[in-house]
Each structure stands twice: as C-alpha cells, then as structure tokens.
N, C-alpha and C. Protein backbone atom coordinates (compact mmCIF):
# COMPACT_ATOMS: atom_id res chain seq x y z
N MET A 1 19.94 72.39 90.33
CA MET A 1 18.92 73.25 90.20
C MET A 1 17.44 72.72 90.81
N ARG A 2 17.41 71.38 90.88
CA ARG A 2 16.14 70.94 91.50
C ARG A 2 16.05 71.43 92.96
N ALA A 3 17.06 71.79 93.55
CA ALA A 3 16.77 72.07 94.92
C ALA A 3 16.50 73.62 95.02
N ARG A 4 16.16 74.23 93.82
CA ARG A 4 15.78 75.59 93.72
C ARG A 4 16.71 76.49 94.30
N ASP A 5 18.04 76.40 94.01
CA ASP A 5 19.10 77.22 94.60
C ASP A 5 19.08 78.56 93.81
N LYS A 6 18.27 79.45 94.47
CA LYS A 6 18.10 80.90 93.80
C LYS A 6 19.34 81.48 93.48
N VAL A 7 20.38 81.50 94.19
CA VAL A 7 21.62 82.04 93.95
C VAL A 7 22.14 81.53 92.63
N ALA A 8 22.35 80.17 92.56
CA ALA A 8 22.97 79.55 91.33
C ALA A 8 22.13 79.89 90.23
N VAL A 9 20.88 79.80 90.11
CA VAL A 9 19.97 80.03 89.06
C VAL A 9 20.12 81.56 88.53
N SER A 10 20.12 82.29 89.42
CA SER A 10 20.31 83.83 89.13
C SER A 10 21.72 84.08 88.49
N VAL A 11 22.67 83.61 89.12
CA VAL A 11 23.98 83.90 88.45
C VAL A 11 24.33 83.05 87.04
N LEU A 12 23.79 81.81 86.80
CA LEU A 12 23.88 81.31 85.71
C LEU A 12 23.01 81.84 84.63
N ARG A 13 21.95 82.46 84.84
CA ARG A 13 21.01 83.13 83.83
C ARG A 13 21.93 84.48 83.51
N ALA A 14 22.39 85.12 84.48
CA ALA A 14 23.18 86.40 84.07
C ALA A 14 24.30 86.11 83.31
N THR A 15 25.11 85.01 83.63
CA THR A 15 26.22 84.72 82.83
C THR A 15 26.00 84.15 81.53
N LEU A 16 24.83 83.49 81.33
CA LEU A 16 24.39 83.02 79.93
C LEU A 16 24.07 84.28 79.13
N ALA A 17 23.62 85.23 79.75
CA ALA A 17 23.13 86.57 79.08
C ALA A 17 24.52 87.23 78.71
N VAL A 18 25.53 87.41 79.49
CA VAL A 18 26.77 87.85 79.11
C VAL A 18 27.49 87.14 77.99
N LEU A 19 27.36 85.83 78.03
CA LEU A 19 27.90 85.03 76.94
C LEU A 19 27.18 85.43 75.71
N ASP A 20 25.85 85.54 75.68
CA ASP A 20 24.99 85.67 74.65
C ASP A 20 25.54 87.10 74.07
N ASN A 21 25.69 88.13 74.98
CA ASN A 21 26.12 89.25 74.37
C ASN A 21 27.64 89.32 73.65
N ALA A 22 28.29 88.47 74.19
CA ALA A 22 29.78 88.22 73.78
C ALA A 22 29.75 87.65 72.24
N GLU A 23 28.66 86.97 72.14
CA GLU A 23 28.62 86.26 70.61
C GLU A 23 27.87 87.40 69.61
N ALA A 24 27.47 88.49 69.96
CA ALA A 24 26.79 89.44 69.34
C ALA A 24 27.86 89.90 68.07
N VAL A 25 27.53 90.30 66.95
CA VAL A 25 28.24 90.73 65.94
C VAL A 25 28.46 92.36 66.22
N PRO A 26 29.58 92.81 66.15
CA PRO A 26 30.03 94.23 66.29
C PRO A 26 29.23 95.02 65.30
N VAL A 27 28.81 96.19 65.57
CA VAL A 27 28.04 97.04 64.62
C VAL A 27 28.94 98.30 64.50
N GLY A 28 29.24 98.49 63.35
CA GLY A 28 30.12 99.73 62.84
C GLY A 28 29.24 100.97 62.82
N GLU A 29 30.00 102.18 62.77
CA GLU A 29 29.34 103.40 62.92
C GLU A 29 28.36 103.65 61.81
N ALA A 30 28.93 103.16 60.44
CA ALA A 30 28.04 103.35 59.25
C ALA A 30 26.71 102.67 59.37
N GLU A 31 26.78 101.45 59.92
CA GLU A 31 25.49 100.57 60.10
C GLU A 31 24.44 101.31 61.19
N LEU A 32 24.93 101.97 62.10
CA LEU A 32 24.14 102.66 62.97
C LEU A 32 23.31 103.84 62.38
N ARG A 33 23.75 104.46 61.38
CA ARG A 33 23.17 105.61 60.75
C ARG A 33 22.13 105.15 59.85
N GLY A 34 22.50 103.98 59.20
CA GLY A 34 21.36 103.28 58.25
C GLY A 34 21.57 103.88 56.83
N VAL A 35 20.63 103.60 55.98
CA VAL A 35 20.60 104.12 54.62
C VAL A 35 19.29 104.77 54.19
N ALA A 36 19.23 105.45 53.00
CA ALA A 36 18.05 105.87 52.62
C ALA A 36 16.99 104.56 52.29
N ILE A 37 15.81 104.83 52.30
CA ILE A 37 14.67 103.85 52.19
C ILE A 37 15.03 103.24 50.87
N GLU A 38 15.13 104.01 49.77
CA GLU A 38 15.47 103.32 48.41
C GLU A 38 16.66 102.59 48.32
N GLN A 39 17.60 102.75 49.21
CA GLN A 39 18.90 101.77 49.41
C GLN A 39 18.71 100.70 50.35
N ALA A 40 17.81 100.53 50.88
CA ALA A 40 17.55 99.49 52.00
C ALA A 40 17.36 98.16 51.36
N PRO A 41 17.94 97.23 52.05
CA PRO A 41 17.91 95.89 51.50
C PRO A 41 16.44 95.28 51.57
N VAL A 42 15.99 94.42 50.77
CA VAL A 42 14.46 94.00 50.55
C VAL A 42 14.76 92.40 50.56
N GLY A 43 13.78 91.62 51.36
CA GLY A 43 13.78 90.36 51.23
C GLY A 43 13.91 89.65 52.71
N VAL A 44 13.46 88.45 52.77
CA VAL A 44 13.51 87.66 53.85
C VAL A 44 14.84 87.45 54.53
N GLY A 45 15.29 87.81 55.64
CA GLY A 45 16.61 87.52 56.16
C GLY A 45 17.60 88.35 55.59
N VAL A 46 17.51 89.34 54.83
CA VAL A 46 18.75 90.24 54.48
C VAL A 46 19.34 91.01 55.57
N THR A 47 18.60 91.19 56.67
CA THR A 47 19.15 91.93 57.83
C THR A 47 19.67 90.94 58.73
N GLU A 48 19.64 89.69 58.62
CA GLU A 48 20.24 88.69 59.67
C GLU A 48 21.66 88.63 59.50
N ALA A 49 22.46 88.47 60.67
CA ALA A 49 23.87 88.31 60.84
C ALA A 49 24.20 87.22 61.62
N ALA A 50 24.97 86.50 61.07
CA ALA A 50 25.58 85.29 61.82
C ALA A 50 26.33 85.70 63.06
N ARG A 51 26.03 85.17 64.13
CA ARG A 51 26.62 85.39 65.45
C ARG A 51 28.15 84.92 65.54
N CYS A 52 28.72 85.66 66.32
CA CYS A 52 30.22 85.13 66.50
C CYS A 52 30.24 83.86 67.40
N GLU A 53 31.04 82.90 67.08
CA GLU A 53 31.13 81.79 67.90
C GLU A 53 32.44 81.71 68.76
N LEU A 54 32.09 81.77 70.08
CA LEU A 54 33.29 81.88 71.04
C LEU A 54 33.91 80.44 71.32
N SER A 55 35.18 80.57 71.36
CA SER A 55 35.97 79.46 71.58
C SER A 55 35.74 78.95 73.02
N GLU A 56 36.01 77.78 73.42
CA GLU A 56 35.87 77.28 74.72
C GLU A 56 36.92 78.19 75.63
N ARG A 57 37.92 78.51 75.32
CA ARG A 57 38.88 79.33 76.08
C ARG A 57 38.38 80.62 76.34
N ARG A 58 37.64 81.24 75.37
CA ARG A 58 36.91 82.67 75.54
C ARG A 58 35.85 82.52 76.45
N VAL A 59 35.03 81.43 76.30
CA VAL A 59 33.80 81.19 77.25
C VAL A 59 34.36 81.18 78.77
N VAL A 60 35.49 80.36 78.95
CA VAL A 60 36.14 80.32 80.25
C VAL A 60 36.64 81.61 80.80
N ASP A 61 37.17 82.37 79.91
CA ASP A 61 37.61 83.61 80.04
C ASP A 61 36.42 84.70 80.63
N VAL A 62 35.32 84.54 79.99
CA VAL A 62 34.20 85.45 80.28
C VAL A 62 33.66 84.97 81.60
N VAL A 63 33.41 83.68 81.79
CA VAL A 63 33.02 83.28 83.20
C VAL A 63 33.85 83.70 84.29
N ARG A 64 35.22 83.50 84.13
CA ARG A 64 36.14 83.94 84.99
C ARG A 64 36.05 85.56 85.30
N ALA A 65 35.85 86.22 84.25
CA ALA A 65 35.77 87.63 84.52
C ALA A 65 34.39 87.97 85.21
N GLU A 66 33.35 87.19 84.97
CA GLU A 66 32.22 87.46 85.68
C GLU A 66 32.40 87.20 87.29
N ALA A 67 33.23 86.08 87.48
CA ALA A 67 33.35 85.54 88.90
C ALA A 67 34.10 86.85 89.57
N ALA A 68 35.25 87.28 88.87
CA ALA A 68 36.19 88.11 89.47
C ALA A 68 35.44 89.36 89.64
N GLU A 69 34.53 89.80 88.92
CA GLU A 69 33.81 91.01 88.87
C GLU A 69 32.76 91.06 90.29
N ARG A 70 32.26 89.84 90.51
CA ARG A 70 31.49 89.64 91.63
C ARG A 70 32.36 89.76 92.93
N LEU A 71 33.45 89.14 92.94
CA LEU A 71 34.42 89.09 94.11
C LEU A 71 34.83 90.52 94.43
N ASP A 72 35.33 91.29 93.36
CA ASP A 72 35.75 92.74 93.35
C ASP A 72 34.80 93.57 94.04
N ALA A 73 33.31 93.40 93.59
CA ALA A 73 32.14 94.03 94.17
C ALA A 73 31.96 93.85 95.69
N ALA A 74 32.11 92.31 95.87
CA ALA A 74 32.00 92.18 97.25
C ALA A 74 32.91 92.85 98.20
N GLU A 75 34.07 92.99 97.73
CA GLU A 75 35.29 93.58 98.48
C GLU A 75 35.02 95.03 98.75
N GLN A 76 34.31 95.70 97.87
CA GLN A 76 33.84 97.08 97.83
C GLN A 76 32.71 97.29 98.94
N LEU A 77 31.89 96.37 99.08
CA LEU A 77 30.88 96.43 100.10
C LEU A 77 31.39 96.21 101.59
N THR A 78 31.74 97.25 102.21
CA THR A 78 32.38 96.87 103.48
C THR A 78 31.41 97.47 104.66
N ALA A 79 30.59 98.25 104.35
CA ALA A 79 29.56 98.69 105.20
C ALA A 79 28.74 97.59 105.85
N PRO A 80 28.45 97.63 107.19
CA PRO A 80 27.55 96.49 107.93
C PRO A 80 26.10 96.24 107.13
N ALA A 81 25.74 97.43 106.50
CA ALA A 81 24.39 97.28 105.92
C ALA A 81 24.43 96.36 104.65
N HIS A 82 25.63 96.23 104.18
CA HIS A 82 25.79 95.39 102.69
C HIS A 82 26.36 93.96 103.00
N VAL A 83 26.41 93.51 104.27
CA VAL A 83 27.04 92.25 104.47
C VAL A 83 26.21 91.22 103.62
N ASP A 84 24.89 91.18 103.61
CA ASP A 84 24.20 90.20 102.92
C ASP A 84 24.53 90.27 101.35
N ARG A 85 24.50 91.53 100.92
CA ARG A 85 24.71 91.59 99.57
C ARG A 85 26.05 91.09 99.22
N ALA A 86 27.28 91.29 99.97
CA ALA A 86 28.52 90.99 99.62
C ALA A 86 28.56 89.27 99.94
N ALA A 87 27.80 88.75 100.83
CA ALA A 87 27.82 87.30 100.84
C ALA A 87 27.20 86.74 99.49
N ARG A 88 26.13 87.41 99.21
CA ARG A 88 25.35 86.72 97.89
C ARG A 88 26.39 86.81 96.77
N LEU A 89 27.15 88.01 96.58
CA LEU A 89 28.10 88.18 95.43
C LEU A 89 29.24 86.98 95.64
N ARG A 90 29.62 86.72 96.72
CA ARG A 90 30.80 85.75 96.92
C ARG A 90 29.97 84.33 96.70
N ALA A 91 28.80 84.11 97.06
CA ALA A 91 28.27 82.77 96.65
C ALA A 91 28.05 82.65 95.25
N GLU A 92 27.75 83.71 94.46
CA GLU A 92 27.51 83.72 93.09
C GLU A 92 29.06 83.34 92.36
N ALA A 93 30.02 83.90 92.88
CA ALA A 93 31.25 83.89 92.36
C ALA A 93 31.72 82.32 92.55
N ALA A 94 31.34 81.88 93.73
CA ALA A 94 31.76 80.45 94.00
C ALA A 94 30.93 79.42 93.12
N VAL A 95 29.75 79.79 92.68
CA VAL A 95 28.95 78.97 91.81
C VAL A 95 29.72 78.92 90.42
N LEU A 96 30.02 80.12 89.91
CA LEU A 96 30.76 80.00 88.76
C LEU A 96 32.10 79.40 88.82
N MET A 97 32.96 79.56 89.85
CA MET A 97 34.08 78.85 89.92
C MET A 97 33.91 77.47 90.10
N ARG A 98 32.93 76.83 90.71
CA ARG A 98 32.77 75.46 90.89
C ARG A 98 32.49 74.91 89.26
N PHE A 99 31.88 75.58 88.45
CA PHE A 99 31.61 75.13 87.12
C PHE A 99 32.85 75.21 86.31
N LEU A 100 33.78 76.15 86.56
CA LEU A 100 35.06 76.24 85.87
C LEU A 100 36.12 75.00 86.30
N ASP A 101 36.10 74.85 87.81
CA ASP A 101 36.97 73.96 88.39
C ASP A 101 36.48 72.53 88.26
N GLY A 102 35.26 72.29 87.71
CA GLY A 102 34.61 71.03 87.76
C GLY A 102 35.37 69.98 86.65
N PRO A 103 34.75 68.77 86.45
CA PRO A 103 35.49 67.91 85.40
C PRO A 103 34.96 68.55 84.11
N GLY A 104 35.96 68.44 83.26
CA GLY A 104 35.81 68.77 81.95
C GLY A 104 36.19 70.31 81.56
N SER A 105 36.51 71.12 82.59
CA SER A 105 36.97 72.44 82.46
C SER A 105 38.27 72.51 81.73
N ALA A 106 38.39 73.73 81.03
CA ALA A 106 39.43 74.09 80.46
C ALA A 106 40.77 74.49 81.21
C-alpha cells in the first residue's frame, strides 16, 4: 500500500465493504414494518443487534466470489473502448487472488 497502488487499495476497500455487509444481521419482514410508538423499545442500546461472525472459510468464499465477479465482468467487456476497464477488473481480481493464495490462506 505504501507504493500507493490505487487498484489494490480500491479493490480491498470494496471487498471489505462486501465482507461488512455479509456480517449484517438479516432483517425480517415484521421488523421492516415497525411497531406503534407506545410499543417501541426504550433505553440505550435496545435497538442494537450483534453482527454475524463469518468463519474463515466463509470469508475466503466471499473474496473468491468477488474475484470471480470481476473476471466475469472483464470477459463481458469485449469492445475496444472497454479494454482499460477490463484490464483494471483483471488486475483487481489478481490482487484478491494474491491475498487468497498467499501464506496462511485457507
């Protein structure tokens, strides 16, 4: 990151956001509708919910899916005008795969 590799920084930030979203607690239909004011919970932290904790295997699966999504998108960009975008998507996928295939990967 010290070399200011913009592609790596961009893809890692995006992947961290995807992982953060994967940890979100699913919301049911009833929770979306809400309740009447007089039935609303009161107090500090009553609406807080613990986030899901992803296993190492699930994290690897999410990162692999992100890399595959980028490679699939790059394959779809066949027009000469999209060569730069396709190259960037392939570079982003390579960054993700480098982290998965490095030491300590699952």
